[in-house]
């Protein structure tokens, strides 16, 4: 998988996690553990994306 394809896949996954997070917090009694897990996973993806950006030639 090329770096660009990996970045595209990560961006898509990040959007999916963001949607799941927004859905979860829309409930009055949302699961705080799930929210924290989703946030951790989003941050890990963001970190990987930032690392990959340094490897892509401009």
Protein backbone atom coordinates (compact mmCIF):
# COMPACT_ATOMS: atom_id res chain seq x y z
CA UNK A 1 0.00 0.00 0.00
CA UNK A 2 1.40 3.39 -0.95
CA UNK A 3 1.76 6.17 1.58
CA UNK A 4 -0.99 8.15 -0.14
CA UNK A 5 -3.36 5.19 -0.06
CA UNK A 6 -2.57 4.59 3.62
CA UNK A 7 -3.24 8.26 4.37
CA UNK A 8 -6.56 8.11 2.53
CA UNK A 9 -7.54 4.99 4.47
CA UNK A 10 -6.57 6.64 7.76
CA UNK A 11 -8.51 9.81 6.91
CA UNK A 12 -11.59 7.71 6.18
CA UNK A 13 -11.21 5.81 9.45
CA UNK A 14 -10.74 9.09 11.32
CA UNK A 15 -14.03 10.39 9.87
CA UNK A 16 -15.80 7.15 10.85
CA UNK A 17 -14.51 7.44 14.41
CA UNK A 18 -15.55 11.09 14.54
CA UNK A 19 -19.06 10.14 13.45
CA UNK A 20 -19.19 7.35 16.03
CA UNK A 21 -17.98 9.75 18.72
CA UNK A 22 -20.59 12.36 17.82
CA UNK A 23 -23.30 9.71 17.83
CA UNK A 24 -22.21 8.37 21.20
CA UNK A 25 -22.17 11.77 22.91
CA UNK A 26 -25.61 12.59 21.51
CA UNK A 27 -27.13 10.16 24.01
CA UNK A 28 -28.07 11.63 27.40
CA UNK A 29 -26.36 8.80 29.28
CA UNK A 30 -23.43 8.11 26.97
CA UNK A 31 -20.69 5.63 27.83
CA UNK A 32 -17.70 7.68 29.00
CA UNK A 33 -15.32 4.73 28.53
CA UNK A 34 -16.41 4.35 24.90
CA UNK A 35 -16.00 8.09 24.32
CA UNK A 36 -12.46 7.99 25.73
CA UNK A 37 -11.62 4.94 23.60
CA UNK A 38 -12.88 6.64 20.45
CA UNK A 39 -10.88 9.77 21.26
CA UNK A 40 -7.72 7.71 21.85
CA UNK A 41 -8.16 5.90 18.56
CA UNK A 42 -8.74 9.17 16.68
CA UNK A 43 -5.60 10.66 18.22
CA UNK A 44 -3.53 7.62 17.27
CA UNK A 45 -4.72 7.94 13.67
CA UNK A 46 -3.98 11.67 13.65
CA UNK A 47 -0.47 10.98 14.95
CA UNK A 48 0.15 8.38 12.26
CA UNK A 49 -1.15 10.77 9.58
CA UNK A 50 1.25 13.47 10.77
CA UNK A 51 4.16 11.02 10.60
CA UNK A 52 3.18 9.96 7.09
CA UNK A 53 2.90 13.57 5.91
CA UNK A 54 6.61 14.01 6.58
CA UNK A 55 7.36 11.11 4.23
CA UNK A 56 5.30 12.36 1.28
CA UNK A 57 7.23 14.55 -1.14
CA UNK A 58 5.56 17.91 -1.79
